[in-house]
Protein backbone atom coordinates (compact mmCIF):
# COMPACT_ATOMS: atom_id res chain seq x y z
CA UNK A 1 0.00 0.00 0.00
CA UNK A 2 2.72 2.49 0.94
CA UNK A 3 4.86 2.28 -2.23
CA UNK A 4 1.74 2.88 -4.33
CA UNK A 5 0.65 5.77 -2.15
CA UNK A 6 4.13 7.32 -2.12
CA UNK A 7 4.30 7.15 -5.92
CA UNK A 8 1.02 9.01 -6.29
CA UNK A 9 1.84 11.63 -3.66
CA UNK A 10 5.48 11.89 -4.71
CA UNK A 11 4.65 12.90 -8.27
CA UNK A 12 2.21 15.49 -6.99
CA UNK A 13 4.22 16.94 -4.09
CA UNK A 14 7.71 16.52 -5.56
CA UNK A 15 7.50 16.57 -9.37
CA UNK A 16 11.29 16.62 -9.85
CA UNK A 17 12.07 13.32 -8.12
CA UNK A 18 14.62 11.36 -10.18
CA UNK A 19 12.59 8.15 -9.82
CA UNK A 20 9.31 7.01 -8.26
CA UNK A 21 9.50 6.45 -4.48
CA UNK A 22 8.57 2.79 -5.00
CA UNK A 23 11.78 2.32 -7.02
CA UNK A 24 13.83 4.04 -4.33
CA UNK A 25 12.14 1.90 -1.64
CA UNK A 26 13.37 -1.27 -3.34
CA UNK A 27 16.96 -0.15 -2.75
CA UNK A 28 16.60 -0.34 1.04
CA UNK A 29 16.87 -3.35 3.36
CA UNK A 30 13.90 -4.37 5.49
CA UNK A 31 13.97 -6.24 8.76
CA UNK A 32 11.86 -9.40 9.15
CA UNK A 33 10.62 -8.82 12.70
CA UNK A 34 6.85 -9.15 12.27
CA UNK A 35 6.07 -10.86 15.58
CA UNK A 36 4.90 -13.88 13.61
CA UNK A 37 2.51 -11.97 11.34
CA UNK A 38 2.27 -13.81 8.04
CA UNK A 39 0.37 -10.88 6.50
CA UNK A 40 3.09 -8.38 7.40
CA UNK A 41 5.89 -10.66 6.24
CA UNK A 42 4.30 -11.66 2.93
CA UNK A 43 3.37 -8.03 2.26
CA UNK A 44 7.01 -7.00 2.66
CA UNK A 45 8.15 -9.96 0.57
CA UNK A 46 5.79 -9.04 -2.24
CA UNK A 47 6.61 -5.33 -2.09
CA UNK A 48 10.40 -5.54 -1.78
CA UNK A 49 11.47 -9.10 -2.66
CA UNK A 50 13.54 -11.69 -0.80
CA UNK A 51 16.71 -9.88 -1.84
CA UNK A 52 15.83 -6.98 0.47
CA UNK A 53 14.54 -8.77 3.56
CA UNK A 54 17.07 -9.24 6.35
CA UNK A 55 16.56 -11.30 9.48
CA UNK A 56 16.87 -9.27 12.64
CA UNK A 57 16.31 -9.96 16.29
CA UNK A 58 14.83 -6.64 17.48
CA UNK A 59 17.22 -6.89 20.42
CA UNK A 60 16.60 -6.28 23.30
CA UNK A 61 12.87 -5.57 22.94
CA UNK A 62 11.81 -8.86 21.41
CA UNK A 63 13.17 -11.03 24.20
CA UNK A 64 10.36 -9.76 26.42
CA UNK A 65 7.72 -11.13 24.03
CA UNK A 66 9.02 -14.33 22.41
CA UNK A 67 12.06 -16.58 22.24
CA UNK A 68 14.59 -15.68 19.56
CA UNK A 69 14.24 -19.16 18.13
CA UNK A 70 10.61 -18.37 17.32
CA UNK A 71 11.59 -15.06 15.73
CA UNK A 72 13.22 -17.00 12.92
CA UNK A 73 11.24 -20.26 13.03
CA UNK A 74 8.03 -18.58 11.91
CA UNK A 75 9.77 -17.58 8.66
CA UNK A 76 10.65 -21.22 8.01
CA UNK A 77 6.98 -22.20 8.47
CA UNK A 78 5.67 -19.76 5.85
CA UNK A 79 6.24 -22.20 2.99
CA UNK A 80 8.55 -19.93 1.01
CA UNK A 81 10.55 -21.29 -1.92
CA UNK A 82 13.86 -22.71 -0.61
CA UNK A 83 15.91 -20.14 -2.56
CA UNK A 84 13.99 -17.23 -0.96
CA UNK A 85 14.26 -18.80 2.49
CA UNK A 86 18.01 -19.19 2.08
CA UNK A 87 18.41 -15.56 0.95
CA UNK A 88 16.36 -14.18 3.81
CA UNK A 89 17.72 -16.32 6.62
CA UNK A 90 21.35 -16.69 5.64
CA UNK A 91 22.77 -14.64 2.81
CA UNK A 92 21.36 -11.16 2.67
CA UNK A 93 22.48 -9.85 6.04
CA UNK A 94 26.13 -10.49 5.16
CA UNK A 95 25.59 -8.95 1.74
CA UNK A 96 23.92 -5.86 3.18
CA UNK A 97 26.95 -5.04 5.29
CA UNK A 98 29.40 -6.27 2.65
CA UNK A 99 30.65 -9.33 4.53
CA UNK A 100 31.66 -12.48 2.69
CA UNK A 101 28.82 -14.99 2.48
CA UNK A 102 29.49 -18.25 4.28
CA UNK A 103 28.78 -21.41 2.36
CA UNK A 104 26.15 -23.30 4.30
CA UNK A 105 25.92 -27.05 4.27
CA UNK A 106 22.40 -28.45 3.73
CA UNK A 107 20.70 -29.71 6.87
CA UNK A 108 20.45 -33.45 7.22
CA UNK A 109 16.87 -34.61 7.53
């Protein structure tokens, strides 16, 4: 909803913007703390893509409301494609801060 709204208001209020706000918004990184809200998470995923979602812990606030394990486990339960899940949970944070990406070994089942 917000990228669409910003595009409409941006053109009206700031006619000389170099690009629509929705394009600029896709250049940012977004944290995955949604307190288990599938609607919030999937909305962000659809709006910005797996390449721009970064797992975060919301430290120290979140520890008062849920275990950190659950903070990340709910993402695994959303049924995302494995490639998106891998990007969100393991690769993008390192990329966002320009750290080398560690090669992860697949989990044994």
